[in-house]
Amino acid sequence: MKILITGGAGFIGSHTANMLVSRSHKILVIDDLSTGKLDKLSKQIPFQTIDLSGNFAEIESVFKEFSPEVVYHFAYKSNVAESMLSPEKELTNFKAAANTFRACVASKVKKVIFSSSGYVYGDSPPYPSKESKPLMPGCPYAIIKVAVENLLKMYARGYGFEYFILRYPVVYGPKQSAGALTDYIRKSLEDKPIDIWGDGRKTRDYVYITDIVEANLALLTLDRTNLSINLGSEIEVTLSDLHRKICSILGKKPNIQYIADRPGELQRCCLDSTRAKELLKWKARTSLDSGLREKILAFQEENK
């Protein structure tokens, strides 16, 4: 298949692109390289540097020339903490999505896959969160994720292409340079205290990158479409326990510095994956202990 990947030089995008090209799909990656890195991508993958929030005519031209059947929209900047400090920056993500979906219409794309987040559910029971749970985003990052989900549904209804919305938990693995989990590893190796906002009892759902990529690819042949799908392990892990697991693997003593919590922080995240199990025959197969060992080995090799 001909597949275009936005944000394909980022963490999830690059792993997905590399697996797709290894299975003989024809790939084009576009990324503005503000956070992504070209060295994450196989040299077999064509690449173009494009700011998706920029000139639409340029974006449309690239889409029409490549004429993809499927588009994975991974491009997304910012994070929860930054979105609380500068919420207006999240509008760039909305504009990038709008330009992407418009270009999909212009180039007659058949299927669009959007990487959303478990953060869209906010802090509301019950847990694990099912796709039917009301969306209650608690920070600008999650608000715009919900807005992009709705924008995608609107374009799909209006122009007839198919879509999937994937709601990810915390995804981790090799070639990941940012995020709390990577920071915990880095500081633990340096015998420095890690910062945890709050009392350490916040929970997250962690899924290893190879499991996420497996689900990303399974969507290409799924008969049912126009769905939101959670990809979680259904296991809650506190931030304090995550750090302790990392220290145990490294043979270090836990060293946590608790800091007054920040506005917009999600207290619990755990995703129900029943739909993914039923439709994709998917589950998170990599245990957190096994995944952390792989992640730590990769981090040490990447930072020699």
C-alpha atoms as a PDB file:
ATOM      1  CA  MET A   1       0.000   0.000   0.000  1.00  0.00           C
ATOM      2  CA  LYS A   2       1.006   3.633  -0.416  1.00  0.00           C
ATOM      3  CA  ILE A   3       1.157   5.131   3.073  1.00  0.00           C
ATOM      4  CA  LEU A   4       1.994   8.673   4.163  1.00  0.00           C
ATOM      5  CA  ILE A   5       3.059   9.254   7.762  1.00  0.00           C
ATOM      6  CA  THR A   6       3.000  12.703   9.337  1.00  0.00           C
ATOM      7  CA  GLY A   7       5.364  13.151  12.257  1.00  0.00           C
ATOM      8  CA  GLY A   8       7.128  10.046  11.001  1.00  0.00           C
ATOM      9  CA  ALA A   9      10.531  11.059  12.381  1.00  0.00           C
ATOM     10  CA  GLY A  10       9.156  11.018  15.919  1.00  0.00           C
ATOM     11  CA  PHE A  11       9.105   8.134  18.368  1.00  0.00           C
ATOM     12  CA  ILE A  12       5.912   6.222  17.467  1.00  0.00           C
ATOM     13  CA  GLY A  13       5.924   7.440  13.858  1.00  0.00           C
ATOM     14  CA  SER A  14       9.445   6.227  13.091  1.00  0.00           C
ATOM     15  CA  HIS A  15       8.912   2.787  14.628  1.00  0.00           C
ATOM     16  CA  THR A  16       5.701   2.432  12.609  1.00  0.00           C
ATOM     17  CA  ALA A  17       7.329   3.662   9.385  1.00  0.00           C
ATOM     18  CA  ASN A  18      10.291   1.303   9.743  1.00  0.00           C
ATOM     19  CA  MET A  19       8.020  -1.694  10.254  1.00  0.00           C
ATOM     20  CA  LEU A  20       5.791  -0.731   7.318  1.00  0.00           C
ATOM     21  CA  VAL A  21       8.701  -0.411   4.908  1.00  0.00           C
ATOM     22  CA  SER A  22      10.109  -3.749   6.105  1.00  0.00           C
ATOM     23  CA  ARG A  23       6.812  -5.279   4.943  1.00  0.00           C
ATOM     24  CA  SER A  24       7.205  -3.786   1.471  1.00  0.00           C
ATOM     25  CA  HIS A  25       4.696  -0.951   1.749  1.00  0.00           C
ATOM     26  CA  LYS A  26       5.551   2.226  -0.149  1.00  0.00           C
ATOM     27  CA  ILE A  27       6.107   4.953   2.452  1.00  0.00           C
ATOM     28  CA  LEU A  28       6.520   8.709   2.529  1.00  0.00           C
ATOM     29  CA  VAL A  29       7.345  10.447   5.812  1.00  0.00           C
ATOM     30  CA  ILE A  30       6.791  14.151   6.372  1.00  0.00           C
ATOM     31  CA  ASP A  31       7.979  15.949   9.502  1.00  0.00           C
ATOM     32  CA  ASP A  32       9.160  19.447  10.397  1.00  0.00           C
ATOM     33  CA  LEU A  33      11.970  17.941  12.555  1.00  0.00           C
ATOM     34  CA  SER A  34      11.167  20.251  15.457  1.00  0.00           C
ATOM     35  CA  THR A  35      11.326  17.211  17.733  1.00  0.00           C
ATOM     36  CA  GLY A  36      11.778  14.278  15.335  1.00  0.00           C
ATOM     37  CA  LYS A  37      15.141  13.015  14.094  1.00  0.00           C
ATOM     38  CA  LEU A  38      15.992  11.575  10.699  1.00  0.00           C
ATOM     39  CA  ASP A  39      18.389   9.016  12.136  1.00  0.00           C
ATOM     40  CA  LYS A  40      15.387   7.165  13.603  1.00  0.00           C
ATOM     41  CA  LEU A  41      14.215   6.284  10.095  1.00  0.00           C
ATOM     42  CA  SER A  42      15.349   3.558   7.749  1.00  0.00           C
ATOM     43  CA  LYS A  43      17.373   5.014   4.872  1.00  0.00           C
ATOM     44  CA  GLN A  44      14.931   3.304   2.496  1.00  0.00           C
ATOM     45  CA  ILE A  45      12.141   5.707   3.477  1.00  0.00           C
ATOM     46  CA  PRO A  46      11.623   8.878   1.404  1.00  0.00           C
ATOM     47  CA  PHE A  47      11.315  11.996   3.545  1.00  0.00           C
ATOM     48  CA  GLN A  48      10.188  15.595   3.138  1.00  0.00           C
ATOM     49  CA  THR A  49      10.539  18.422   5.648  1.00  0.00           C
ATOM     50  CA  ILE A  50       7.176  20.170   5.919  1.00  0.00           C
ATOM     51  CA  ASP A  51       5.464  22.290   8.564  1.00  0.00           C
ATOM     52  CA  LEU A  52       1.900  20.983   8.551  1.00  0.00           C
ATOM     53  CA  SER A  53       0.627  24.143  10.227  1.00  0.00           C
ATOM     54  CA  GLY A  54       2.102  26.220   7.391  1.00  0.00           C
ATOM     55  CA  ASN A  55       1.237  26.805   3.743  1.00  0.00           C
ATOM     56  CA  PHE A  56      -1.637  24.537   2.706  1.00  0.00           C
ATOM     57  CA  ALA A  57      -0.814  24.674  -1.001  1.00  0.00           C
ATOM     58  CA  GLU A  58       2.603  23.140  -0.317  1.00  0.00           C
ATOM     59  CA  ILE A  59       1.084  20.400   1.842  1.00  0.00           C
ATOM     60  CA  GLU A  60      -1.618  19.654  -0.714  1.00  0.00           C
ATOM     61  CA  SER A  61       0.973  19.399  -3.489  1.00  0.00           C
ATOM     62  CA  VAL A  62       2.977  16.763  -1.582  1.00  0.00           C
ATOM     63  CA  PHE A  63      -0.130  14.705  -0.853  1.00  0.00           C
ATOM     64  CA  LYS A  64      -1.363  14.840  -4.435  1.00  0.00           C
ATOM     65  CA  GLU A  65       2.044  13.926  -5.866  1.00  0.00           C
ATOM     66  CA  PHE A  66       2.434  10.891  -3.606  1.00  0.00           C
ATOM     67  CA  SER A  67      -1.283   9.974  -3.745  1.00  0.00           C
ATOM     68  CA  PRO A  68      -1.434   7.859  -0.564  1.00  0.00           C
ATOM     69  CA  GLU A  69      -4.134   5.294   0.143  1.00  0.00           C
ATOM     70  CA  VAL A  70      -3.622   5.564   3.910  1.00  0.00           C
ATOM     71  CA  VAL A  71      -2.416   8.404   6.143  1.00  0.00           C
ATOM     72  CA  TYR A  72      -1.158   7.990   9.699  1.00  0.00           C
ATOM     73  CA  HIS A  73      -1.374  11.352  11.457  1.00  0.00           C
ATOM     74  CA  PHE A  74       1.204  11.248  14.272  1.00  0.00           C
ATOM     75  CA  ALA A  75       2.424  14.859  14.029  1.00  0.00           C
ATOM     76  CA  TYR A  76       1.764  16.592  17.340  1.00  0.00           C
ATOM     77  CA  LYS A  77       3.778  19.067  19.393  1.00  0.00           C
ATOM     78  CA  SER A  78       3.692  20.016  23.078  1.00  0.00           C
ATOM     79  CA  ASN A  79       2.826  18.100  26.234  1.00  0.00           C
ATOM     80  CA  VAL A  80       0.537  18.438  29.212  1.00  0.00           C
ATOM     81  CA  ALA A  81       2.727  20.738  31.313  1.00  0.00           C
ATOM     82  CA  GLU A  82       3.561  23.003  28.381  1.00  0.00           C
ATOM     83  CA  SER A  83      -0.074  23.163  27.320  1.00  0.00           C
ATOM     84  CA  MET A  84      -1.087  24.504  30.725  1.00  0.00           C
ATOM     85  CA  LEU A  85       1.549  27.251  30.551  1.00  0.00           C
ATOM     86  CA  SER A  86       0.936  28.189  26.896  1.00  0.00           C
ATOM     87  CA  PRO A  87      -2.476  26.843  25.830  1.00  0.00           C
ATOM     88  CA  GLU A  88      -2.483  28.940  22.660  1.00  0.00           C
ATOM     89  CA  LYS A  89       0.361  26.818  21.261  1.00  0.00           C
ATOM     90  CA  GLU A  90      -2.026  23.860  21.027  1.00  0.00           C
ATOM     91  CA  LEU A  91      -3.829  25.677  18.209  1.00  0.00           C
ATOM     92  CA  THR A  92      -0.826  24.847  16.021  1.00  0.00           C
ATOM     93  CA  ASN A  93      -1.665  21.165  16.460  1.00  0.00           C
ATOM     94  CA  PHE A  94      -5.263  21.798  15.437  1.00  0.00           C
ATOM     95  CA  LYS A  95      -4.199  23.707  12.330  1.00  0.00           C
ATOM     96  CA  ALA A  96      -1.737  20.948  11.388  1.00  0.00           C
ATOM     97  CA  ALA A  97      -4.530  18.379  11.668  1.00  0.00           C
ATOM     98  CA  ALA A  98      -6.942  20.542   9.660  1.00  0.00           C
ATOM     99  CA  ASN A  99      -4.396  20.949   6.861  1.00  0.00           C
ATOM    100  CA  THR A 100      -3.662  17.220   6.919  1.00  0.00           C
ATOM    101  CA  PHE A 101      -7.314  16.208   6.665  1.00  0.00           C
ATOM    102  CA  ARG A 102      -7.982  18.770   3.913  1.00  0.00           C
ATOM    103  CA  ALA A 103      -5.033  17.360   1.985  1.00  0.00           C
ATOM    104  CA  CYS A 104      -6.419  13.856   2.496  1.00  0.00           C
ATOM    105  CA  VAL A 105      -9.649  14.940   0.840  1.00  0.00           C
ATOM    106  CA  ALA A 106      -7.799  16.615  -2.048  1.00  0.00           C
ATOM    107  CA  SER A 107      -5.676  13.515  -2.714  1.00  0.00           C
ATOM    108  CA  LYS A 108      -8.578  11.050  -2.275  1.00  0.00           C
ATOM    109  CA  VAL A 109      -7.105   9.171   0.692  1.00  0.00           C
ATOM    110  CA  LYS A 110      -9.121   6.076   1.616  1.00  0.00           C
ATOM    111  CA  LYS A 111      -8.234   5.753   5.308  1.00  0.00           C
ATOM    112  CA  VAL A 112      -6.888   8.081   8.030  1.00  0.00           C
ATOM    113  CA  ILE A 113      -5.463   6.841  11.334  1.00  0.00           C
ATOM    114  CA  PHE A 114      -5.061   9.419  14.112  1.00  0.00           C
ATOM    115  CA  SER A 115      -2.968   8.961  17.251  1.00  0.00           C
ATOM    116  CA  SER A 116      -4.994  10.332  20.134  1.00  0.00           C
ATOM    117  CA  SER A 117      -4.466   9.831  23.866  1.00  0.00           C
ATOM    118  CA  GLY A 118      -5.963   8.200  26.934  1.00  0.00           C
ATOM    119  CA  TYR A 119      -5.771  11.654  28.490  1.00  0.00           C
ATOM    120  CA  VAL A 120      -9.013  12.560  26.671  1.00  0.00           C
ATOM    121  CA  TYR A 121     -10.997  10.690  29.360  1.00  0.00           C
ATOM    122  CA  GLY A 122      -9.737  12.927  32.146  1.00  0.00           C
ATOM    123  CA  ASP A 123     -10.061  11.983  35.803  1.00  0.00           C
ATOM    124  CA  SER A 124     -13.390  10.237  36.038  1.00  0.00           C
ATOM    125  CA  PRO A 125     -14.224   6.687  37.107  1.00  0.00           C
ATOM    126  CA  PRO A 126     -14.708   3.868  36.327  1.00  0.00           C
ATOM    127  CA  TYR A 127     -11.309   2.407  35.415  1.00  0.00           C
ATOM    128  CA  PRO A 128     -10.023   0.984  33.149  1.00  0.00           C
ATOM    129  CA  SER A 129     -11.561   3.551  30.779  1.00  0.00           C
ATOM    130  CA  LYS A 130     -13.700   2.190  27.944  1.00  0.00           C
ATOM    131  CA  GLU A 131     -14.207   3.934  24.581  1.00  0.00           C
ATOM    132  CA  SER A 132     -17.836   4.593  25.574  1.00  0.00           C
ATOM    133  CA  LYS A 133     -16.755   6.663  28.575  1.00  0.00           C
ATOM    134  CA  PRO A 134     -17.558  10.398  28.303  1.00  0.00           C
ATOM    135  CA  LEU A 135     -14.579  12.501  27.284  1.00  0.00           C
ATOM    136  CA  MET A 136     -13.595  14.984  29.998  1.00  0.00           C
ATOM    137  CA  PRO A 137     -10.221  16.449  28.972  1.00  0.00           C
ATOM    138  CA  GLY A 138      -8.543  18.276  31.837  1.00  0.00           C
ATOM    139  CA  CYS A 139      -5.810  20.241  30.065  1.00  0.00           C
ATOM    140  CA  PRO A 140      -5.361  22.096  26.737  1.00  0.00           C
ATOM    141  CA  TYR A 141      -3.297  19.177  25.336  1.00  0.00           C
ATOM    142  CA  ALA A 142      -6.211  16.760  25.793  1.00  0.00           C
ATOM    143  CA  ILE A 143      -8.820  19.347  24.761  1.00  0.00           C
ATOM    144  CA  ILE A 144      -7.171  19.741  21.368  1.00  0.00           C
ATOM    145  CA  LYS A 145      -6.821  15.964  21.017  1.00  0.00           C
ATOM    146  CA  VAL A 146     -10.599  15.737  21.416  1.00  0.00           C
ATOM    147  CA  ALA A 147     -11.092  18.606  18.976  1.00  0.00           C
ATOM    148  CA  VAL A 148      -8.939  16.852  16.365  1.00  0.00           C
ATOM    149  CA  GLU A 149     -10.874  13.606  16.904  1.00  0.00           C
ATOM    150  CA  ASN A 150     -14.118  15.496  16.174  1.00  0.00           C
ATOM    151  CA  LEU A 151     -12.581  17.265  13.184  1.00  0.00           C
ATOM    152  CA  LEU A 152     -11.540  13.920  11.716  1.00  0.00           C
ATOM    153  CA  LYS A 153     -15.041  12.505  12.185  1.00  0.00           C
ATOM    154  CA  MET A 154     -16.513  15.566  10.466  1.00  0.00           C
ATOM    155  CA  TYR A 155     -14.226  15.221   7.435  1.00  0.00           C
ATOM    156  CA  ALA A 156     -14.894  11.485   7.241  1.00  0.00           C
ATOM    157  CA  ARG A 157     -18.668  12.046   7.259  1.00  0.00           C
ATOM    158  CA  GLY A 158     -18.459  14.874   4.751  1.00  0.00           C
ATOM    159  CA  TYR A 159     -16.065  13.293   2.264  1.00  0.00           C
ATOM    160  CA  GLY A 160     -16.486   9.566   2.726  1.00  0.00           C
ATOM    161  CA  PHE A 161     -13.047   8.354   3.777  1.00  0.00           C
ATOM    162  CA  GLU A 162     -12.616   5.855   6.623  1.00  0.00           C
ATOM    163  CA  TYR A 163     -10.905   6.589   9.928  1.00  0.00           C
ATOM    164  CA  PHE A 164      -9.545   5.086  13.103  1.00  0.00           C
ATOM    165  CA  ILE A 165      -8.799   6.975  16.307  1.00  0.00           C
ATOM    166  CA  LEU A 166      -6.213   5.239  18.483  1.00  0.00           C
ATOM    167  CA  ARG A 167      -6.135   6.279  22.115  1.00  0.00           C
ATOM    168  CA  TYR A 168      -2.679   5.503  23.426  1.00  0.00           C
ATOM    169  CA  PRO A 169      -1.550   5.158  27.045  1.00  0.00           C
ATOM    170  CA  VAL A 170       2.080   6.008  27.905  1.00  0.00           C
ATOM    171  CA  VAL A 171       4.134   4.433  25.122  1.00  0.00           C
ATOM    172  CA  TYR A 172       7.809   3.715  25.776  1.00  0.00           C
ATOM    173  CA  GLY A 173      10.779   1.995  24.184  1.00  0.00           C
ATOM    174  CA  PRO A 174      14.050   2.466  22.277  1.00  0.00           C
ATOM    175  CA  LYS A 175      14.805   5.714  20.429  1.00  0.00           C
ATOM    176  CA  GLN A 176      12.657   7.698  22.856  1.00  0.00           C
ATOM    177  CA  SER A 177      14.491  10.785  24.060  1.00  0.00           C
ATOM    178  CA  ALA A 178      11.730  12.599  25.970  1.00  0.00           C
ATOM    179  CA  GLY A 179       9.132  11.846  28.601  1.00  0.00           C
ATOM    180  CA  ALA A 180       9.092  11.116  32.332  1.00  0.00           C
ATOM    181  CA  LEU A 181      10.079   7.451  31.985  1.00  0.00           C
ATOM    182  CA  THR A 182      13.183   8.313  29.974  1.00  0.00           C
ATOM    183  CA  ASP A 183      14.012  11.076  32.446  1.00  0.00           C
ATOM    184  CA  TYR A 184      13.735   8.612  35.340  1.00  0.00           C
ATOM    185  CA  ILE A 185      16.233   6.308  33.631  1.00  0.00           C
ATOM    186  CA  ARG A 186      18.637   9.110  32.791  1.00  0.00           C
ATOM    187  CA  LYS A 187      18.684  10.575  36.301  1.00  0.00           C
ATOM    188  CA  SER A 188      18.860   7.190  37.990  1.00  0.00           C
ATOM    189  CA  LEU A 189      21.933   6.302  35.940  1.00  0.00           C
ATOM    190  CA  GLU A 190      23.484   9.630  36.990  1.00  0.00           C
ATOM    191  CA  ASP A 191      22.592   9.019  40.671  1.00  0.00           C
ATOM    192  CA  LYS A 192      20.447  12.151  40.681  1.00  0.00           C
ATOM    193  CA  PRO A 193      17.029  12.510  42.351  1.00  0.00           C
ATOM    194  CA  ILE A 194      14.021  12.324  40.073  1.00  0.00           C
ATOM    195  CA  ASP A 195      11.238  14.890  40.322  1.00  0.00           C
ATOM    196  CA  ILE A 196       7.702  13.629  40.840  1.00  0.00           C
ATOM    197  CA  TRP A 197       4.879  16.182  40.965  1.00  0.00           C
ATOM    198  CA  GLY A 198       2.455  15.220  43.708  1.00  0.00           C
ATOM    199  CA  ASP A 199       2.801  12.368  46.172  1.00  0.00           C
ATOM    200  CA  GLY A 200       3.856   9.680  43.680  1.00  0.00           C
ATOM    201  CA  ARG A 201       0.497   7.928  43.677  1.00  0.00           C
ATOM    202  CA  LYS A 202      -0.524   9.092  40.208  1.00  0.00           C
ATOM    203  CA  THR A 203      -1.029   6.064  37.973  1.00  0.00           C
ATOM    204  CA  ARG A 204      -0.206   5.456  34.344  1.00  0.00           C
ATOM    205  CA  ASP A 205      -0.784   2.629  31.887  1.00  0.00           C
ATOM    206  CA  TYR A 206       2.481   1.672  30.094  1.00  0.00           C
ATOM    207  CA  VAL A 207       2.653  -0.150  26.742  1.00  0.00           C
ATOM    208  CA  TYR A 208       5.858  -1.059  24.910  1.00  0.00           C
ATOM    209  CA  ILE A 209       6.387   0.378  21.433  1.00  0.00           C
ATOM    210  CA  THR A 210       6.461  -2.935  19.537  1.00  0.00           C
ATOM    211  CA  ASP A 211       2.981  -3.745  20.857  1.00  0.00           C
ATOM    212  CA  ILE A 212       1.708  -0.337  19.740  1.00  0.00           C
ATOM    213  CA  VAL A 213       3.210  -0.759  16.263  1.00  0.00           C
ATOM    214  CA  GLU A 214       1.540  -4.162  15.968  1.00  0.00           C
ATOM    215  CA  ALA A 215      -1.852  -2.525  16.519  1.00  0.00           C
ATOM    216  CA  ASN A 216      -1.041   0.367  14.166  1.00  0.00           C
ATOM    217  CA  LEU A 217      -0.370  -2.102  11.349  1.00  0.00           C
ATOM    218  CA  ALA A 218      -3.332  -4.355  12.131  1.00  0.00           C
ATOM    219  CA  LEU A 219      -5.690  -1.491  11.256  1.00  0.00           C
ATOM    220  CA  LEU A 220      -4.658  -1.688   7.605  1.00  0.00           C
ATOM    221  CA  THR A 221      -6.637  -4.895   7.092  1.00  0.00           C
ATOM    222  CA  LEU A 222      -9.444  -4.470   9.621  1.00  0.00           C
ATOM    223  CA  ASP A 223     -12.857  -4.703   7.941  1.00  0.00           C
ATOM    224  CA  ARG A 224     -14.682  -2.456  10.415  1.00  0.00           C
ATOM    225  CA  THR A 225     -13.774   1.218  10.346  1.00  0.00           C
ATOM    226  CA  ASN A 226     -14.773   4.599  11.788  1.00  0.00           C
ATOM    227  CA  LEU A 227     -13.937   3.567  15.332  1.00  0.00           C
ATOM    228  CA  SER A 228     -12.074   4.778  18.398  1.00  0.00           C
ATOM    229  CA  ILE A 229      -9.850   2.064  19.888  1.00  0.00           C
ATOM    230  CA  ASN A 230      -7.972   2.018  23.196  1.00  0.00           C
ATOM    231  CA  LEU A 231      -4.544   0.377  23.316  1.00  0.00           C
ATOM    232  CA  GLY A 232      -3.825  -0.146  26.999  1.00  0.00           C
ATOM    233  CA  SER A 233      -2.308  -2.794  29.229  1.00  0.00           C
ATOM    234  CA  GLU A 234      -5.206  -2.414  31.702  1.00  0.00           C
ATOM    235  CA  ILE A 235      -2.606  -2.225  34.497  1.00  0.00           C
ATOM    236  CA  GLU A 236      -2.158   0.899  36.650  1.00  0.00           C
ATOM    237  CA  VAL A 237       1.355   1.636  37.883  1.00  0.00           C
ATOM    238  CA  THR A 238       2.143   4.498  40.238  1.00  0.00           C
ATOM    239  CA  LEU A 239       4.951   6.859  39.310  1.00  0.00           C
ATOM    240  CA  SER A 240       6.782   5.943  42.510  1.00  0.00           C
ATOM    241  CA  ASP A 241       6.563   2.229  41.685  1.00  0.00           C
ATOM    242  CA  LEU A 242       7.790   2.892  38.150  1.00  0.00           C
ATOM    243  CA  HIS A 243      10.898   4.577  39.533  1.00  0.00           C
ATOM    244  CA  ARG A 244      11.454   1.717  41.968  1.00  0.00           C
ATOM    245  CA  LYS A 245      11.268  -0.806  39.122  1.00  0.00           C
ATOM    246  CA  ILE A 246      13.854   1.164  37.148  1.00  0.00           C
ATOM    247  CA  CYS A 247      16.160   1.380  40.160  1.00  0.00           C
ATOM    248  CA  SER A 248      15.801  -2.343  40.817  1.00  0.00           C
ATOM    249  CA  ILE A 249      16.912  -3.148  37.266  1.00  0.00           C
ATOM    250  CA  LEU A 250      19.828  -0.710  37.507  1.00  0.00           C
ATOM    251  CA  GLY A 251      20.869  -1.804  40.990  1.00  0.00           C
ATOM    252  CA  LYS A 252      20.323   1.710  42.336  1.00  0.00           C
ATOM    253  CA  LYS A 253      18.577   3.057  45.419  1.00  0.00           C
ATOM    254  CA  PRO A 254      15.313   4.931  44.757  1.00  0.00           C
ATOM    255  CA  ASN A 255      15.849   8.684  45.034  1.00  0.00           C
ATOM    256  CA  ILE A 256      12.635  10.669  44.661  1.00  0.00           C
ATOM    257  CA  GLN A 257      12.069  14.365  45.168  1.00  0.00           C
ATOM    258  CA  TYR A 258       8.355  15.053  45.577  1.00  0.00           C
ATOM    259  CA  ILE A 259       7.181  18.456  44.354  1.00  0.00           C
ATOM    260  CA  ALA A 260       3.860  20.262  44.771  1.00  0.00           C
ATOM    261  CA  ASP A 261       1.520  19.018  42.043  1.00  0.00           C
ATOM    262  CA  ARG A 262       0.908  21.028  38.873  1.00  0.00           C
ATOM    263  CA  PRO A 263      -2.449  22.124  37.449  1.00  0.00           C
ATOM    264  CA  GLY A 264      -3.796  19.914  34.672  1.00  0.00           C
ATOM    265  CA  GLU A 265      -2.006  16.754  35.835  1.00  0.00           C
ATOM    266  CA  LEU A 266      -3.979  13.560  35.247  1.00  0.00           C
ATOM    267  CA  GLN A 267      -4.243  11.513  38.453  1.00  0.00           C
ATOM    268  CA  ARG A 268      -5.142   8.155  36.915  1.00  0.00           C
ATOM    269  CA  CYS A 269      -4.782   6.646  33.449  1.00  0.00           C
ATOM    270  CA  CYS A 270      -5.721   3.063  32.638  1.00  0.00           C
ATOM    271  CA  LEU A 271      -7.295   1.972  29.362  1.00  0.00           C
ATOM    272  CA  ASP A 272      -9.676  -0.909  28.736  1.00  0.00           C
ATOM    273  CA  SER A 273      -8.599  -2.778  25.580  1.00  0.00           C
ATOM    274  CA  THR A 274     -11.562  -5.114  25.093  1.00  0.00           C
ATOM    275  CA  ARG A 275     -12.361  -3.624  21.692  1.00  0.00           C
ATOM    276  CA  ALA A 276      -8.772  -4.058  20.499  1.00  0.00           C
ATOM    277  CA  LYS A 277      -8.782  -7.646  21.727  1.00  0.00           C
ATOM    278  CA  GLU A 278     -12.016  -8.442  19.913  1.00  0.00           C
ATOM    279  CA  LEU A 279     -11.360  -6.634  16.620  1.00  0.00           C
ATOM    280  CA  LEU A 280      -7.567  -6.744  16.275  1.00  0.00           C
ATOM    281  CA  LYS A 281      -6.842  -9.872  18.322  1.00  0.00           C
ATOM    282  CA  TRP A 282      -4.418  -7.540  20.109  1.00  0.00           C
ATOM    283  CA  LYS A 283      -3.164  -7.220  23.631  1.00  0.00           C
ATOM    284  CA  ALA A 284      -0.148  -5.643  25.291  1.00  0.00           C
ATOM    285  CA  ARG A 285       2.170  -8.668  25.277  1.00  0.00           C
ATOM    286  CA  THR A 286       5.339  -7.072  26.676  1.00  0.00           C
ATOM    287  CA  SER A 287       5.392  -6.938  30.472  1.00  0.00           C
ATOM    288  CA  LEU A 288       6.531  -3.696  32.056  1.00  0.00           C
ATOM    289  CA  ASP A 289       9.540  -5.405  33.657  1.00  0.00           C
ATOM    290  CA  SER A 290      10.643  -6.868  30.320  1.00  0.00           C
ATOM    291  CA  GLY A 291       9.982  -3.650  28.427  1.00  0.00           C
ATOM    292  CA  LEU A 292      11.903  -1.566  30.955  1.00  0.00           C
ATOM    293  CA  ARG A 293      14.930  -3.842  30.626  1.00  0.00           C
ATOM    294  CA  GLU A 294      14.865  -3.441  26.850  1.00  0.00           C
ATOM    295  CA  LYS A 295      14.365   0.310  27.142  1.00  0.00           C
ATOM    296  CA  ILE A 296      17.252   0.679  29.606  1.00  0.00           C
ATOM    297  CA  LEU A 297      19.630  -1.383  27.457  1.00  0.00           C
ATOM    298  CA  ALA A 298      18.684   0.687  24.408  1.00  0.00           C
ATOM    299  CA  PHE A 299      19.096   3.958  26.341  1.00  0.00           C
ATOM    300  CA  GLN A 300      22.585   2.980  27.486  1.00  0.00           C
ATOM    301  CA  GLU A 301      23.570   2.021  23.943  1.00  0.00           C
ATOM    302  CA  GLU A 302      22.123   5.225  22.471  1.00  0.00           C
ATOM    303  CA  ASN A 303      23.964   7.393  25.014  1.00  0.00           C
ATOM    304  CA  LYS A 304      27.444   5.861  24.917  1.00  0.00           C
END
